[in-house]
């Protein structure tokens, strides 16, 4: 599993992250580091991108740090 730290994001500005693969089904998890809570999770929910791809759209909160897993 890859983990990406998302720091210094502009609060109140919508962010979209897309994971793409031709080889496997992508799952994305966005965790708010400050609380340890999973903010969003996608895996074949029918609301992300098509096929094996997934996407998360969120609006960062002021002072929050996120991890994408």
C-alpha atoms as a PDB file:
ATOM      1  CA  UNK A   1       0.000   0.000   0.000  1.00  0.00           C
ATOM      2  CA  UNK A   2       1.291   3.431  -0.924  1.00  0.00           C
ATOM      3  CA  UNK A   3       0.808   6.299   1.543  1.00  0.00           C
ATOM      4  CA  UNK A   4       0.965   9.920   0.425  1.00  0.00           C
ATOM      5  CA  UNK A   5       1.051  12.849   2.863  1.00  0.00           C
ATOM      6  CA  UNK A   6      -1.147  15.750   1.749  1.00  0.00           C
ATOM      7  CA  UNK A   7      -0.009  18.873   3.556  1.00  0.00           C
ATOM      8  CA  UNK A   8      -0.503  22.609   3.121  1.00  0.00           C
ATOM      9  CA  UNK A   9      -3.674  22.228   1.064  1.00  0.00           C
ATOM     10  CA  UNK A  10      -5.708  25.400   0.624  1.00  0.00           C
ATOM     11  CA  UNK A  11      -8.710  25.203   2.942  1.00  0.00           C
ATOM     12  CA  UNK A  12     -12.084  25.570   1.289  1.00  0.00           C
ATOM     13  CA  UNK A  13     -10.757  24.711  -2.196  1.00  0.00           C
ATOM     14  CA  UNK A  14     -12.133  21.459  -3.656  1.00  0.00           C
ATOM     15  CA  UNK A  15      -9.516  18.780  -4.440  1.00  0.00           C
ATOM     16  CA  UNK A  16     -10.035  15.737  -6.693  1.00  0.00           C
ATOM     17  CA  UNK A  17      -7.664  12.761  -6.592  1.00  0.00           C
ATOM     18  CA  UNK A  18      -7.946  10.015  -9.206  1.00  0.00           C
ATOM     19  CA  UNK A  19      -6.301   6.595  -9.005  1.00  0.00           C
ATOM     20  CA  UNK A  20      -5.965   4.732 -12.303  1.00  0.00           C
ATOM     21  CA  UNK A  21      -4.800   1.252 -13.209  1.00  0.00           C
ATOM     22  CA  UNK A  22      -5.257  -1.175 -16.078  1.00  0.00           C
ATOM     23  CA  UNK A  23      -3.903  -4.014 -13.904  1.00  0.00           C
ATOM     24  CA  UNK A  24      -5.923  -3.911 -10.660  1.00  0.00           C
ATOM     25  CA  UNK A  25      -9.004  -2.414  -9.049  1.00  0.00           C
ATOM     26  CA  UNK A  26      -8.036   0.815  -7.288  1.00  0.00           C
ATOM     27  CA  UNK A  27      -9.204   1.594  -3.742  1.00  0.00           C
ATOM     28  CA  UNK A  28      -8.581   5.034  -2.226  1.00  0.00           C
ATOM     29  CA  UNK A  29      -8.745   5.977   1.447  1.00  0.00           C
ATOM     30  CA  UNK A  30      -8.427   9.552   2.693  1.00  0.00           C
ATOM     31  CA  UNK A  31      -7.470   9.828   6.379  1.00  0.00           C
ATOM     32  CA  UNK A  32      -7.488  12.990   8.459  1.00  0.00           C
ATOM     33  CA  UNK A  33      -4.169  12.698  10.317  1.00  0.00           C
ATOM     34  CA  UNK A  34      -5.171  15.101  13.098  1.00  0.00           C
ATOM     35  CA  UNK A  35      -7.976  12.757  14.244  1.00  0.00           C
ATOM     36  CA  UNK A  36      -6.926   9.450  12.670  1.00  0.00           C
ATOM     37  CA  UNK A  37     -10.409   9.121  11.191  1.00  0.00           C
ATOM     38  CA  UNK A  38     -11.086   7.858   7.693  1.00  0.00           C
ATOM     39  CA  UNK A  39     -12.687  10.786   5.882  1.00  0.00           C
ATOM     40  CA  UNK A  40     -13.500   9.019   2.613  1.00  0.00           C
ATOM     41  CA  UNK A  41     -13.097   5.542   1.143  1.00  0.00           C
ATOM     42  CA  UNK A  42     -13.852   4.358  -2.399  1.00  0.00           C
ATOM     43  CA  UNK A  43     -13.719   0.928  -3.969  1.00  0.00           C
ATOM     44  CA  UNK A  44     -16.248   0.029  -6.659  1.00  0.00           C
ATOM     45  CA  UNK A  45     -18.930   2.196  -5.137  1.00  0.00           C
ATOM     46  CA  UNK A  46     -20.200   3.297  -8.512  1.00  0.00           C
ATOM     47  CA  UNK A  47     -19.552   6.928  -7.613  1.00  0.00           C
ATOM     48  CA  UNK A  48     -15.898   7.157  -8.586  1.00  0.00           C
ATOM     49  CA  UNK A  49     -14.282   6.895 -11.980  1.00  0.00           C
ATOM     50  CA  UNK A  50     -15.055   4.052 -14.382  1.00  0.00           C
ATOM     51  CA  UNK A  51     -13.723   0.474 -14.648  1.00  0.00           C
ATOM     52  CA  UNK A  52     -10.827  -0.156 -12.293  1.00  0.00           C
ATOM     53  CA  UNK A  53     -10.330   3.574 -11.607  1.00  0.00           C
ATOM     54  CA  UNK A  54     -11.540   5.482  -8.538  1.00  0.00           C
ATOM     55  CA  UNK A  55     -11.634   9.116  -7.469  1.00  0.00           C
ATOM     56  CA  UNK A  56     -12.129  11.096  -4.294  1.00  0.00           C
ATOM     57  CA  UNK A  57     -13.306  14.702  -4.210  1.00  0.00           C
ATOM     58  CA  UNK A  58     -13.109  16.615  -0.945  1.00  0.00           C
ATOM     59  CA  UNK A  59     -12.716  20.109   0.491  1.00  0.00           C
ATOM     60  CA  UNK A  60      -9.787  20.403   2.945  1.00  0.00           C
ATOM     61  CA  UNK A  61     -10.459  21.974   6.335  1.00  0.00           C
ATOM     62  CA  UNK A  62      -8.221  24.674   7.795  1.00  0.00           C
ATOM     63  CA  UNK A  63      -5.283  23.260   9.769  1.00  0.00           C
ATOM     64  CA  UNK A  64      -5.948  19.635   8.750  1.00  0.00           C
ATOM     65  CA  UNK A  65      -3.330  17.257   7.385  1.00  0.00           C
ATOM     66  CA  UNK A  66      -4.422  14.292   5.262  1.00  0.00           C
ATOM     67  CA  UNK A  67      -3.002  11.002   4.098  1.00  0.00           C
ATOM     68  CA  UNK A  68      -4.061   9.253   0.923  1.00  0.00           C
ATOM     69  CA  UNK A  69      -3.755   5.487   1.111  1.00  0.00           C
END
